[in-house]
C-alpha atoms as a PDB file:
ATOM      1  CA  MET A   1     -87.372 -14.833 109.367  1.00  0.00           C
ATOM      2  CA  HIS A   2     -84.224 -14.850 111.443  1.00  0.00           C
ATOM      3  CA  LYS A   3     -82.082 -15.108 108.264  1.00  0.00           C
ATOM      4  CA  LEU A   4     -83.753 -11.998 106.845  1.00  0.00           C
ATOM      5  CA  VAL A   5     -83.018 -10.035 110.018  1.00  0.00           C
ATOM      6  CA  PHE A   6     -79.419 -11.279 109.995  1.00  0.00           C
ATOM      7  CA  VAL A   7     -78.977 -10.204 106.330  1.00  0.00           C
ATOM      8  CA  VAL A   8     -80.356  -6.744 107.075  1.00  0.00           C
ATOM      9  CA  LEU A   9     -78.060  -6.320 110.094  1.00  0.00           C
ATOM     10  CA  MET A  10     -75.059  -7.499 108.118  1.00  0.00           C
ATOM     11  CA  LEU A  11     -75.856  -5.063 105.244  1.00  0.00           C
ATOM     12  CA  SER A  12     -76.163  -2.278 107.722  1.00  0.00           C
ATOM     13  CA  LEU A  13     -72.842  -3.173 109.305  1.00  0.00           C
ATOM     14  CA  TRP A  14     -71.186  -3.479 105.898  1.00  0.00           C
ATOM     15  CA  TRP A  15     -72.488  -0.007 104.814  1.00  0.00           C
ATOM     16  CA  MET A  16     -71.305   1.499 108.052  1.00  0.00           C
ATOM     17  CA  LEU A  17     -67.839   0.052 107.682  1.00  0.00           C
ATOM     18  CA  HIS A  18     -67.723   1.182 104.053  1.00  0.00           C
ATOM     19  CA  ALA A  19     -68.677   4.716 105.103  1.00  0.00           C
ATOM     20  CA  VAL A  20     -65.878   4.752 107.731  1.00  0.00           C
ATOM     21  CA  GLN A  21     -63.379   3.577 105.147  1.00  0.00           C
ATOM     22  CA  VAL A  22     -64.433   6.249 102.625  1.00  0.00           C
ATOM     23  CA  ASP A  23     -64.226   8.901 105.345  1.00  0.00           C
ATOM     24  CA  GLU A  24     -60.700   7.812 106.336  1.00  0.00           C
ATOM     25  CA  GLU A  25     -59.530   7.812 102.685  1.00  0.00           C
ATOM     26  CA  LEU A  26     -60.932  11.345 102.266  1.00  0.00           C
ATOM     27  CA  ALA A  27     -59.131  12.418 105.471  1.00  0.00           C
ATOM     28  CA  LEU A  28     -55.812  11.139 104.028  1.00  0.00           C
ATOM     29  CA  SER A  29     -56.465  13.151 100.901  1.00  0.00           C
ATOM     30  CA  VAL A  30     -57.108  16.270 102.957  1.00  0.00           C
ATOM     31  CA  VAL A  31     -53.935  15.814 105.044  1.00  0.00           C
ATOM     32  CA  HIS A  32     -51.853  15.358 101.873  1.00  0.00           C
ATOM     33  CA  GLU A  33     -53.306  18.482 100.250  1.00  0.00           C
ATOM     34  CA  GLY A  34     -52.836  20.368 103.492  1.00  0.00           C
ATOM     35  CA  LYS A  35     -49.171  19.305 103.832  1.00  0.00           C
ATOM     36  CA  ARG A  36     -48.438  20.305 100.227  1.00  0.00           C
ATOM     37  CA  ALA A  37     -50.074  23.705 100.877  1.00  0.00           C
ATOM     38  CA  VAL A  38     -48.016  24.211 104.027  1.00  0.00           C
ATOM     39  CA  ASP A  39     -44.766  23.265 102.219  1.00  0.00           C
ATOM     40  CA  ARG A  40     -45.553  25.568  99.335  1.00  0.00           C
ATOM     41  CA  ALA A  41     -46.377  28.470 101.692  1.00  0.00           C
ATOM     42  CA  ALA A  42     -43.179  27.993 103.649  1.00  0.00           C
ATOM     43  CA  HIS A  43     -41.150  27.902 100.428  1.00  0.00           C
ATOM     44  CA  ALA A  44     -42.842  31.039  99.097  1.00  0.00           C
ATOM     45  CA  ALA A  45     -42.202  32.824 102.349  1.00  0.00           C
ATOM     46  CA  ALA A  46     -38.535  31.836 102.385  1.00  0.00           C
ATOM     47  CA  GLN A  47     -37.997  33.285  98.909  1.00  0.00           C
ATOM     48  CA  GLN A  48     -38.908  36.877  99.883  1.00  0.00           C
ATOM     49  CA  LEU A  49     -35.590  38.635  99.734  1.00  0.00           C
ATOM     50  CA  ASP A  50     -34.906  41.798 101.703  1.00  0.00           C
ATOM     51  CA  GLU A  51     -33.653  44.009  98.874  1.00  0.00           C
ATOM     52  CA  ASP A  52     -32.171  46.656 101.188  1.00  0.00           C
ATOM     53  CA  LYS A  53     -29.887  44.055 102.802  1.00  0.00           C
ATOM     54  CA  LEU A  54     -29.201  42.425  99.495  1.00  0.00           C
ATOM     55  CA  GLU A  55     -27.711  45.697  98.217  1.00  0.00           C
ATOM     56  CA  LEU A  56     -25.245  45.359 101.087  1.00  0.00           C
ATOM     57  CA  GLY A  57     -24.416  41.789 100.077  1.00  0.00           C
ATOM     58  CA  VAL A  58     -26.454  40.151 102.849  1.00  0.00           C
ATOM     59  CA  LEU A  59     -28.945  37.388 102.013  1.00  0.00           C
ATOM     60  CA  ALA A  60     -31.959  38.012 104.240  1.00  0.00           C
ATOM     61  CA  ILE A  61     -35.709  37.398 104.277  1.00  0.00           C
ATOM     62  CA  ASP A  62     -38.103  40.325 104.313  1.00  0.00           C
ATOM     63  CA  ARG A  63     -40.384  39.474 107.267  1.00  0.00           C
ATOM     64  CA  GLU A  64     -43.472  41.360 106.107  1.00  0.00           C
ATOM     65  CA  GLU A  65     -43.270  40.004 102.586  1.00  0.00           C
ATOM     66  CA  ALA A  66     -42.687  36.487 103.914  1.00  0.00           C
ATOM     67  CA  GLN A  67     -45.740  36.625 106.109  1.00  0.00           C
ATOM     68  CA  ALA A  68     -47.854  37.947 103.230  1.00  0.00           C
ATOM     69  CA  ALA A  69     -46.580  35.312 100.813  1.00  0.00           C
ATOM     70  CA  ALA A  70     -47.246  32.489 103.288  1.00  0.00           C
ATOM     71  CA  ALA A  71     -50.772  33.720 103.910  1.00  0.00           C
ATOM     72  CA  ARG A  72     -51.418  34.134 100.161  1.00  0.00           C
ATOM     73  CA  TYR A  73     -50.248  30.630  99.382  1.00  0.00           C
ATOM     74  CA  LEU A  74     -52.293  29.069 102.179  1.00  0.00           C
ATOM     75  CA  GLN A  75     -55.351  30.936 101.081  1.00  0.00           C
ATOM     76  CA  GLU A  76     -55.044  29.863  97.448  1.00  0.00           C
ATOM     77  CA  ASN A  77     -53.973  26.273  97.986  1.00  0.00           C
ATOM     78  CA  LEU A  78     -56.558  25.533 100.777  1.00  0.00           C
ATOM     79  CA  ARG A  79     -59.296  27.767  99.291  1.00  0.00           C
ATOM     80  CA  LEU A  80     -59.509  30.118 102.242  1.00  0.00           C
ATOM     81  CA  GLU A  81     -60.800  33.610 102.827  1.00  0.00           C
ATOM     82  CA  PRO A  82     -58.313  36.311 103.925  1.00  0.00           C
ATOM     83  CA  ASP A  83     -59.148  35.550 107.604  1.00  0.00           C
ATOM     84  CA  PHE A  84     -58.371  31.804 106.909  1.00  0.00           C
ATOM     85  CA  ALA A  85     -62.061  30.793 107.084  1.00  0.00           C
ATOM     86  CA  PRO A  86     -62.957  28.292 104.415  1.00  0.00           C
ATOM     87  CA  ARG A  87     -64.449  29.459 101.119  1.00  0.00           C
ATOM     88  CA  ALA A  88     -67.714  27.953  99.909  1.00  0.00           C
ATOM     89  CA  ASP A  89     -65.897  26.084  97.085  1.00  0.00           C
ATOM     90  CA  GLY A  90     -63.332  24.565  99.489  1.00  0.00           C
ATOM     91  CA  TYR A  91     -63.303  21.186 101.159  1.00  0.00           C
ATOM     92  CA  LEU A  92     -62.530  22.455 104.705  1.00  0.00           C
ATOM     93  CA  ARG A  93     -65.329  23.561 107.026  1.00  0.00           C
ATOM     94  CA  GLU A  94     -63.426  25.065 109.934  1.00  0.00           C
ATOM     95  CA  ARG A  95     -61.006  28.001 110.147  1.00  0.00           C
ATOM     96  CA  VAL A  96     -57.361  27.167 109.538  1.00  0.00           C
ATOM     97  CA  GLU A  97     -55.045  28.343 112.327  1.00  0.00           C
ATOM     98  CA  VAL A  98     -51.466  29.411 111.717  1.00  0.00           C
ATOM     99  CA  GLN A  99     -49.905  28.365 114.958  1.00  0.00           C
ATOM    100  CA  ALA A 100     -46.302  29.365 114.162  1.00  0.00           C
ATOM    101  CA  LEU A 101     -44.679  31.358 111.409  1.00  0.00           C
ATOM    102  CA  GLU A 102     -41.061  31.857 112.444  1.00  0.00           C
ATOM    103  CA  ILE A 103     -38.268  33.333 110.389  1.00  0.00           C
ATOM    104  CA  VAL A 104     -34.687  32.313 111.018  1.00  0.00           C
ATOM    105  CA  ASP A 105     -32.809  35.379 109.867  1.00  0.00           C
ATOM    106  CA  GLU A 106     -29.272  36.007 108.776  1.00  0.00           C
ATOM    107  CA  THR A 107     -28.081  36.780 112.336  1.00  0.00           C
ATOM    108  CA  ALA A 108     -28.207  33.105 113.280  1.00  0.00           C
ATOM    109  CA  SER A 109     -25.018  31.104 113.047  1.00  0.00           C
ATOM    110  CA  PHE A 110     -25.430  28.398 110.458  1.00  0.00           C
ATOM    111  CA  PRO A 111     -25.995  25.504 110.470  1.00  0.00           C
ATOM    112  CA  TYR A 112     -28.792  26.499 112.850  1.00  0.00           C
ATOM    113  CA  VAL A 113     -30.859  23.902 114.677  1.00  0.00           C
ATOM    114  CA  TYR A 114     -34.424  25.136 115.018  1.00  0.00           C
ATOM    115  CA  ARG A 115     -36.401  23.545 117.861  1.00  0.00           C
ATOM    116  CA  ASN A 116     -40.028  24.082 118.845  1.00  0.00           C
ATOM    117  CA  GLU A 117     -40.821  22.036 121.931  1.00  0.00           C
ATOM    118  CA  GLU A 118     -44.505  23.074 121.952  1.00  0.00           C
ATOM    119  CA  TYR A 119     -45.173  21.430 118.582  1.00  0.00           C
ATOM    120  CA  ASP A 120     -42.416  18.819 118.819  1.00  0.00           C
ATOM    121  CA  TYR A 121     -40.650  20.018 115.679  1.00  0.00           C
ATOM    122  CA  GLU A 122     -36.948  20.212 114.857  1.00  0.00           C
ATOM    123  CA  THR A 123     -35.101  21.092 111.637  1.00  0.00           C
ATOM    124  CA  ILE A 124     -31.683  22.304 110.568  1.00  0.00           C
ATOM    125  CA  PHE A 125     -31.146  25.396 108.490  1.00  0.00           C
ATOM    126  CA  ARG A 126     -27.973  26.014 106.511  1.00  0.00           C
ATOM    127  CA  ARG A 127     -29.047  29.530 105.477  1.00  0.00           C
ATOM    128  CA  PRO A 128     -31.964  31.876 106.403  1.00  0.00           C
ATOM    129  CA  GLY A 129     -35.341  30.086 106.344  1.00  0.00           C
ATOM    130  CA  VAL A 130     -38.949  29.895 107.461  1.00  0.00           C
ATOM    131  CA  VAL A 131     -40.877  27.510 109.678  1.00  0.00           C
ATOM    132  CA  LEU A 132     -44.660  27.233 109.295  1.00  0.00           C
ATOM    133  CA  ILE A 133     -46.966  25.265 111.513  1.00  0.00           C
ATOM    134  CA  VAL A 134     -50.682  25.156 110.697  1.00  0.00           C
ATOM    135  CA  LYS A 135     -53.617  23.469 112.379  1.00  0.00           C
ATOM    136  CA  ILE A 136     -56.266  21.924 110.058  1.00  0.00           C
ATOM    137  CA  VAL A 137     -59.458  20.202 111.132  1.00  0.00           C
ATOM    138  CA  TYR A 138     -60.863  17.471 108.871  1.00  0.00           C
ATOM    139  CA  PRO A 139     -64.591  17.945 108.083  1.00  0.00           C
ATOM    140  CA  ARG A 140     -65.920  14.451 108.708  1.00  0.00           C
ATOM    141  CA  ILE A 141     -68.596  13.227 106.335  1.00  0.00           C
ATOM    142  CA  PHE A 142     -69.934  10.645 108.771  1.00  0.00           C
ATOM    143  CA  ALA A 143     -70.016  10.828 112.541  1.00  0.00           C
ATOM    144  CA  ALA A 144     -68.691   7.261 112.775  1.00  0.00           C
ATOM    145  CA  ILE A 145     -65.108   8.471 113.195  1.00  0.00           C
ATOM    146  CA  PRO A 146     -63.920  10.945 115.857  1.00  0.00           C
ATOM    147  CA  PRO A 147     -62.846  14.467 114.804  1.00  0.00           C
ATOM    148  CA  ILE A 148     -59.412  14.590 113.159  1.00  0.00           C
ATOM    149  CA  GLU A 149     -57.038  17.537 113.629  1.00  0.00           C
ATOM    150  CA  TRP A 150     -53.521  17.927 112.330  1.00  0.00           C
ATOM    151  CA  GLU A 151     -50.661  20.256 113.106  1.00  0.00           C
ATOM    152  CA  LEU A 152     -48.976  20.304 109.749  1.00  0.00           C
ATOM    153  CA  LYS A 153     -45.337  21.485 109.785  1.00  0.00           C
ATOM    154  CA  GLY A 154     -43.143  22.787 107.006  1.00  0.00           C
ATOM    155  CA  SER A 155     -39.902  24.634 106.600  1.00  0.00           C
ATOM    156  CA  ALA A 156     -37.904  26.060 103.764  1.00  0.00           C
ATOM    157  CA  GLU A 157     -34.587  27.861 103.215  1.00  0.00           C
ATOM    158  CA  LEU A 158     -33.742  30.838 101.122  1.00  0.00           C
ATOM    159  CA  VAL A 159     -32.559  29.586  97.744  1.00  0.00           C
ATOM    160  CA  TYR A 160     -29.999  31.654  95.893  1.00  0.00           C
END
Protein backbone atom coordinates (compact mmCIF):
# COMPACT_ATOMS: atom_id res chain seq x y z
CA MET A 1 0.00 0.00 0.00
CA HIS A 2 2.80 2.43 0.86
CA LYS A 3 4.30 1.89 -2.62
CA LEU A 4 1.01 2.87 -4.26
CA VAL A 5 0.84 6.07 -2.19
CA PHE A 6 4.48 6.80 -3.07
CA VAL A 7 3.78 6.32 -6.82
CA VAL A 8 0.75 8.61 -6.69
CA LEU A 9 2.74 11.30 -4.85
CA MET A 10 5.63 11.03 -7.31
CA LEU A 11 3.27 11.27 -10.29
CA SER A 12 1.67 14.36 -8.76
CA LEU A 13 5.08 15.91 -8.20
CA TRP A 14 6.18 15.03 -11.74
CA TRP A 15 3.05 16.60 -13.27
CA MET A 16 3.48 19.74 -11.17
CA LEU A 17 7.12 20.12 -12.25
CA HIS A 18 6.13 19.52 -15.85
CA ALA A 19 3.45 22.23 -15.60
CA VAL A 20 6.00 24.69 -14.19
CA GLN A 21 8.42 23.91 -17.02
CA VAL A 22 5.72 24.39 -19.68
CA ASP A 23 4.68 27.69 -18.10
CA GLU A 24 8.29 28.93 -18.03
CA GLU A 25 8.79 27.97 -21.70
CA LEU A 26 5.62 29.84 -22.65
CA ALA A 27 6.85 32.85 -20.65
CA LEU A 28 10.07 32.88 -22.68
CA SER A 29 8.03 32.76 -25.87
CA VAL A 30 5.97 35.75 -24.70
CA VAL A 31 9.05 37.80 -23.77
CA HIS A 32 10.63 37.12 -27.17
CA GLU A 33 7.45 38.13 -29.01
CA GLY A 34 7.16 41.21 -26.81
CA LYS A 35 10.76 42.24 -27.43
CA ARG A 36 10.34 41.87 -31.18
CA ALA A 37 7.16 43.95 -31.02
CA VAL A 38 8.91 46.71 -29.05
CA ASP A 39 11.87 46.73 -31.45
CA ARG A 40 9.55 46.91 -34.47
CA ALA A 41 7.52 49.71 -32.90
CA ALA A 42 10.63 51.74 -32.07
CA HIS A 43 11.95 51.26 -35.61
CA ALA A 44 8.61 52.29 -37.14
CA ALA A 45 8.49 55.39 -34.94
CA ALA A 46 12.05 56.37 -35.85
CA GLN A 47 11.24 56.31 -39.57
CA GLN A 48 8.54 59.00 -39.40
CA LEU A 49 10.23 61.91 -41.17
CA ASP A 50 9.19 65.49 -40.51
CA GLU A 51 8.60 66.58 -44.10
CA ASP A 52 8.59 70.31 -43.30
CA LYS A 53 12.09 70.09 -41.85
CA LEU A 54 13.20 67.74 -44.61
CA GLU A 55 12.38 70.47 -47.16
CA LEU A 56 14.94 72.62 -45.32
CA GLY A 57 17.51 69.83 -45.47
CA VAL A 58 17.14 68.78 -41.83
CA LEU A 59 16.59 65.13 -40.95
CA ALA A 60 14.07 65.09 -38.12
CA ILE A 61 11.39 62.82 -36.69
CA ASP A 62 7.75 63.91 -36.69
CA ARG A 63 6.74 63.43 -33.04
CA GLU A 64 3.01 62.90 -33.57
CA GLU A 65 3.53 60.47 -36.44
CA ALA A 66 6.19 58.62 -34.44
CA GLN A 67 3.86 58.16 -31.47
CA ALA A 68 1.06 56.98 -33.74
CA ALA A 69 3.35 54.53 -35.58
CA ALA A 70 4.71 53.07 -32.33
CA ALA A 71 1.20 52.59 -30.96
CA ARG A 72 -0.01 51.01 -34.20
CA TYR A 73 2.90 48.54 -34.33
CA LEU A 74 2.47 47.56 -30.68
CA GLN A 75 -1.25 47.04 -31.17
CA GLU A 76 -0.80 44.86 -34.23
CA ASN A 77 2.18 42.82 -33.05
CA LEU A 78 0.86 42.19 -29.52
CA ARG A 79 -2.80 41.95 -30.58
CA LEU A 80 -4.01 44.90 -28.51
CA GLU A 81 -6.99 47.21 -28.57
CA PRO A 82 -6.39 50.96 -29.19
CA ASP A 83 -6.19 51.50 -25.39
CA PHE A 84 -3.50 48.74 -25.17
CA ALA A 85 -5.89 46.29 -23.52
CA PRO A 86 -5.49 42.76 -24.89
CA ARG A 87 -7.77 41.57 -27.67
CA ALA A 88 -9.70 38.33 -27.27
CA ASP A 89 -7.49 36.59 -29.86
CA GLY A 90 -4.25 37.67 -28.13
CA TYR A 91 -2.10 35.78 -25.67
CA LEU A 92 -1.80 38.61 -23.12
CA ARG A 93 -4.42 39.10 -20.41
CA GLU A 94 -3.40 42.42 -18.86
CA ARG A 95 -3.10 45.90 -20.31
CA VAL A 96 0.28 46.78 -21.81
CA GLU A 97 1.81 49.98 -20.43
CA VAL A 98 4.00 52.28 -22.49
CA GLN A 99 6.28 53.57 -19.77
CA ALA A 100 8.51 55.72 -21.97
CA LEU A 101 8.42 56.89 -25.57
CA GLU A 102 11.16 59.44 -26.00
CA ILE A 103 12.34 61.03 -29.20
CA VAL A 104 15.90 62.26 -29.50
CA ASP A 105 15.53 65.02 -32.05
CA GLU A 106 17.91 66.77 -34.40
CA THR A 107 18.83 69.42 -31.81
CA ALA A 108 20.96 66.94 -29.85
CA SER A 109 24.67 66.84 -30.52
CA PHE A 110 25.60 63.46 -31.97
CA PRO A 111 26.79 60.98 -30.94
CA TYR A 112 24.24 61.40 -28.16
CA VAL A 113 24.25 59.19 -25.07
CA TYR A 114 20.68 58.56 -23.92
CA ARG A 115 20.32 57.59 -20.26
CA ASN A 116 17.19 56.68 -18.34
CA GLU A 117 18.07 56.04 -14.70
CA GLU A 118 14.51 55.06 -13.75
CA TYR A 119 14.50 52.06 -16.10
CA ASP A 120 18.28 51.46 -16.07
CA TYR A 121 18.66 51.93 -19.82
CA GLU A 122 21.42 53.51 -21.84
CA THR A 123 22.07 53.70 -25.57
CA ILE A 124 24.04 55.82 -28.02
CA PHE A 125 22.45 57.59 -30.98
CA ARG A 126 24.43 58.74 -34.00
CA ARG A 127 21.40 60.47 -35.52
CA PRO A 128 17.82 61.27 -34.40
CA GLY A 129 16.09 58.28 -32.83
CA VAL A 130 13.41 56.85 -30.59
CA VAL A 131 13.49 55.03 -27.25
CA LEU A 132 10.53 52.86 -26.28
CA ILE A 133 10.04 51.13 -22.92
CA VAL A 134 6.98 48.93 -22.45
CA LYS A 135 5.75 46.92 -19.47
CA ILE A 136 4.24 43.51 -20.24
CA VAL A 137 2.76 41.08 -17.71
CA TYR A 138 2.89 37.37 -18.49
CA PRO A 139 -0.46 35.60 -18.10
CA ARG A 140 0.51 32.53 -16.10
CA ILE A 141 -1.23 29.31 -16.96
CA PHE A 142 -0.54 27.67 -13.61
CA ALA A 143 -0.26 29.39 -10.25
CA ALA A 144 2.88 27.40 -9.46
CA ILE A 145 5.15 30.24 -10.59
CA PRO A 146 4.99 33.83 -9.33
CA PRO A 147 3.74 36.62 -11.63
CA ILE A 148 6.25 37.65 -14.28
CA GLU A 149 6.53 41.24 -15.49
CA TRP A 150 9.01 42.68 -17.96
CA GLU A 151 10.07 46.18 -18.88
CA LEU A 152 11.04 45.64 -22.50
CA LYS A 153 13.32 48.29 -23.96
CA GLY A 154 14.00 49.16 -27.55
CA SER A 155 15.57 51.96 -29.53
CA ALA A 156 16.04 52.82 -33.18
CA GLU A 157 17.63 55.57 -35.25
CA LEU A 158 16.37 57.39 -38.28
CA VAL A 159 17.63 55.55 -41.34
CA TYR A 160 18.28 57.59 -44.46
